[in-house]
Amino acid sequence: YIQHPDVFNNTLVFCSEGDVYLTTIPSNIISSPLAAMRLTSTVGNVNSPKINPKYPYLIAFTATYTGHREVYLMDLRSNHRSNPSMRLTYMDSTYGVNDISGWEDDGS
């Protein structure tokens, strides 16, 4: 099942079973299933992936790696894939971050 889908150009990111997946949507899609690559494999529940419109190799998402929901940034460029996702927020509240609304057009 697909949850929290986000599309930019022909790229789709979505959540399924607590992880983020990535796939490319072909221009001539009929009804065949798409292969998707899992980007995360964690015990922390991941939600709300968003593709950066200016830098489409950057994906922001929320996760509960530390017990509280925080925002993380993943860089999909081949020379950065071995790096862990960068934590962007440090919320000290009981629940952490609620959701990611999206990116600004300038990529911020």
C-alpha atoms as a PDB file:
ATOM      1  CA  TYR A   1       0.000   0.000   0.000  1.00  0.00           C
ATOM      2  CA  ILE A   2       1.137   3.528  -0.748  1.00  0.00           C
ATOM      3  CA  GLN A   3       0.924   6.333   1.805  1.00  0.00           C
ATOM      4  CA  HIS A   4       2.025   9.990   1.667  1.00  0.00           C
ATOM      5  CA  PRO A   5       2.902  10.056  -2.076  1.00  0.00           C
ATOM      6  CA  ASP A   6       4.804  13.001  -3.520  1.00  0.00           C
ATOM      7  CA  VAL A   7       5.441  13.453  -7.245  1.00  0.00           C
ATOM      8  CA  PHE A   8       7.889  15.732  -9.024  1.00  0.00           C
ATOM      9  CA  ASN A   9       8.231  15.445 -12.805  1.00  0.00           C
ATOM     10  CA  ASN A  10       8.330  11.671 -13.315  1.00  0.00           C
ATOM     11  CA  THR A  11       9.670  10.780  -9.848  1.00  0.00           C
ATOM     12  CA  LEU A  12       7.428   9.384  -7.127  1.00  0.00           C
ATOM     13  CA  VAL A  13       8.365   8.959  -3.469  1.00  0.00           C
ATOM     14  CA  PHE A  14       5.995   7.356  -1.005  1.00  0.00           C
ATOM     15  CA  CYS A  15       5.806   5.506   2.290  1.00  0.00           C
ATOM     16  CA  SER A  16       4.893   1.881   2.707  1.00  0.00           C
ATOM     17  CA  GLU A  17       5.138  -0.198   5.868  1.00  0.00           C
ATOM     18  CA  GLY A  18       7.079   2.550   7.658  1.00  0.00           C
ATOM     19  CA  ASP A  19       9.777   3.134   5.033  1.00  0.00           C
ATOM     20  CA  VAL A  20      10.354   5.519   2.088  1.00  0.00           C
ATOM     21  CA  TYR A  21      10.369   4.188  -1.473  1.00  0.00           C
ATOM     22  CA  LEU A  22      11.330   5.801  -4.793  1.00  0.00           C
ATOM     23  CA  THR A  23      10.211   4.992  -8.321  1.00  0.00           C
ATOM     24  CA  THR A  24      10.147   6.592 -11.755  1.00  0.00           C
ATOM     25  CA  ILE A  25       6.845   6.892 -13.570  1.00  0.00           C
ATOM     26  CA  PRO A  26       7.262   6.137 -17.278  1.00  0.00           C
ATOM     27  CA  SER A  27       5.473   8.431 -19.716  1.00  0.00           C
ATOM     28  CA  ASN A  28       3.683   5.499 -21.358  1.00  0.00           C
ATOM     29  CA  ILE A  29       2.415   3.746 -18.232  1.00  0.00           C
ATOM     30  CA  ILE A  30      -0.527   1.486 -18.918  1.00  0.00           C
ATOM     31  CA  SER A  31      -1.376  -0.715 -15.968  1.00  0.00           C
ATOM     32  CA  SER A  32       1.833  -2.606 -15.269  1.00  0.00           C
ATOM     33  CA  PRO A  33       3.239  -2.450 -11.735  1.00  0.00           C
ATOM     34  CA  LEU A  34       6.202  -0.168 -11.109  1.00  0.00           C
ATOM     35  CA  ALA A  35       9.364  -1.379  -9.422  1.00  0.00           C
ATOM     36  CA  ALA A  36      10.278   0.771  -6.425  1.00  0.00           C
ATOM     37  CA  MET A  37      13.549   1.072  -4.512  1.00  0.00           C
ATOM     38  CA  ARG A  38      13.387   1.201  -0.723  1.00  0.00           C
ATOM     39  CA  LEU A  39      15.390   4.181   0.550  1.00  0.00           C
ATOM     40  CA  THR A  40      15.061   3.561   4.284  1.00  0.00           C
ATOM     41  CA  SER A  41      15.181   0.425   6.390  1.00  0.00           C
ATOM     42  CA  THR A  42      14.589   1.353   9.968  1.00  0.00           C
ATOM     43  CA  VAL A  43      12.709   0.658  13.152  1.00  0.00           C
ATOM     44  CA  GLY A  44      11.686   4.337  13.227  1.00  0.00           C
ATOM     45  CA  ASN A  45       8.370   4.982  11.519  1.00  0.00           C
ATOM     46  CA  VAL A  46       8.909   7.214   8.443  1.00  0.00           C
ATOM     47  CA  ASN A  47       6.269   9.614   7.020  1.00  0.00           C
ATOM     48  CA  SER A  48       5.725  12.586   4.708  1.00  0.00           C
ATOM     49  CA  PRO A  49       8.496  12.272   2.097  1.00  0.00           C
ATOM     50  CA  LYS A  50       8.816  15.395  -0.063  1.00  0.00           C
ATOM     51  CA  ILE A  51      10.969  15.837  -3.181  1.00  0.00           C
ATOM     52  CA  ASN A  52      12.803  19.153  -3.434  1.00  0.00           C
ATOM     53  CA  PRO A  53      11.564  20.906  -6.637  1.00  0.00           C
ATOM     54  CA  LYS A  54      14.847  22.742  -7.276  1.00  0.00           C
ATOM     55  CA  TYR A  55      17.173  19.931  -6.185  1.00  0.00           C
ATOM     56  CA  PRO A  56      15.194  16.729  -6.929  1.00  0.00           C
ATOM     57  CA  TYR A  57      17.964  14.546  -5.508  1.00  0.00           C
ATOM     58  CA  LEU A  58      17.043  15.842  -1.998  1.00  0.00           C
ATOM     59  CA  ILE A  59      14.169  14.225  -0.129  1.00  0.00           C
ATOM     60  CA  ALA A  60      12.910  15.427   3.234  1.00  0.00           C
ATOM     61  CA  PHE A  61      10.882  13.135   5.491  1.00  0.00           C
ATOM     62  CA  THR A  62       9.890  12.698   9.112  1.00  0.00           C
ATOM     63  CA  ALA A  63      10.937   9.729  11.246  1.00  0.00           C
ATOM     64  CA  THR A  64      10.851   8.552  14.841  1.00  0.00           C
ATOM     65  CA  TYR A  65      14.467   7.359  15.035  1.00  0.00           C
ATOM     66  CA  THR A  66      14.974   9.036  18.425  1.00  0.00           C
ATOM     67  CA  GLY A  67      11.512   8.386  19.840  1.00  0.00           C
ATOM     68  CA  HIS A  68      10.164  11.801  18.774  1.00  0.00           C
ATOM     69  CA  ARG A  69       9.174  12.604  15.198  1.00  0.00           C
ATOM     70  CA  GLU A  70      11.886  14.758  13.575  1.00  0.00           C
ATOM     71  CA  VAL A  71      12.664  16.011  10.044  1.00  0.00           C
ATOM     72  CA  TYR A  72      15.496  14.369   8.105  1.00  0.00           C
ATOM     73  CA  LEU A  73      17.099  15.068   4.737  1.00  0.00           C
ATOM     74  CA  MET A  74      18.345  12.372   2.351  1.00  0.00           C
ATOM     75  CA  ASP A  75      20.706  13.088  -0.560  1.00  0.00           C
ATOM     76  CA  LEU A  76      20.231  10.636  -3.448  1.00  0.00           C
ATOM     77  CA  ARG A  77      23.304  11.637  -5.474  1.00  0.00           C
ATOM     78  CA  SER A  78      25.542   8.620  -6.026  1.00  0.00           C
ATOM     79  CA  ASN A  79      28.522  10.136  -4.184  1.00  0.00           C
ATOM     80  CA  HIS A  80      26.341  10.845  -1.094  1.00  0.00           C
ATOM     81  CA  ARG A  81      24.305   7.636  -0.799  1.00  0.00           C
ATOM     82  CA  SER A  82      26.577   6.099   1.817  1.00  0.00           C
ATOM     83  CA  ASN A  83      26.005   9.079   4.130  1.00  0.00           C
ATOM     84  CA  PRO A  84      23.214   8.777   6.685  1.00  0.00           C
ATOM     85  CA  SER A  85      20.212  11.049   6.442  1.00  0.00           C
ATOM     86  CA  MET A  86      20.823  14.429   8.077  1.00  0.00           C
ATOM     87  CA  ARG A  87      18.602  15.370  11.002  1.00  0.00           C
ATOM     88  CA  LEU A  88      17.213  18.897  10.490  1.00  0.00           C
ATOM     89  CA  THR A  89      15.065  19.434  13.606  1.00  0.00           C
ATOM     90  CA  TYR A  90      15.598  18.919  17.321  1.00  0.00           C
ATOM     91  CA  MET A  91      12.155  19.237  18.870  1.00  0.00           C
ATOM     92  CA  ASP A  92      12.022  18.755  22.624  1.00  0.00           C
ATOM     93  CA  SER A  93       8.256  18.400  22.706  1.00  0.00           C
ATOM     94  CA  THR A  94       6.507  15.175  23.584  1.00  0.00           C
ATOM     95  CA  TYR A  95       5.485  14.501  19.988  1.00  0.00           C
ATOM     96  CA  GLY A  96       8.111  16.255  17.868  1.00  0.00           C
ATOM     97  CA  VAL A  97       7.291  17.395  14.329  1.00  0.00           C
ATOM     98  CA  ASN A  98       3.786  16.781  13.067  1.00  0.00           C
ATOM     99  CA  ASP A  99       4.292  16.797   9.282  1.00  0.00           C
ATOM    100  CA  ILE A 100       6.222  18.320   6.368  1.00  0.00           C
ATOM    101  CA  SER A 101       4.181  20.717   4.244  1.00  0.00           C
ATOM    102  CA  GLY A 102       6.630  20.830   1.355  1.00  0.00           C
ATOM    103  CA  TRP A 103       9.431  22.860  -0.172  1.00  0.00           C
ATOM    104  CA  GLU A 104       9.462  26.433  -1.426  1.00  0.00           C
ATOM    105  CA  ASP A 105       9.958  26.834  -5.195  1.00  0.00           C
ATOM    106  CA  ASP A 106      13.523  28.053  -4.575  1.00  0.00           C
ATOM    107  CA  GLY A 107      14.395  24.766  -2.831  1.00  0.00           C
ATOM    108  CA  SER A 108      14.357  26.090   0.736  1.00  0.00           C
END
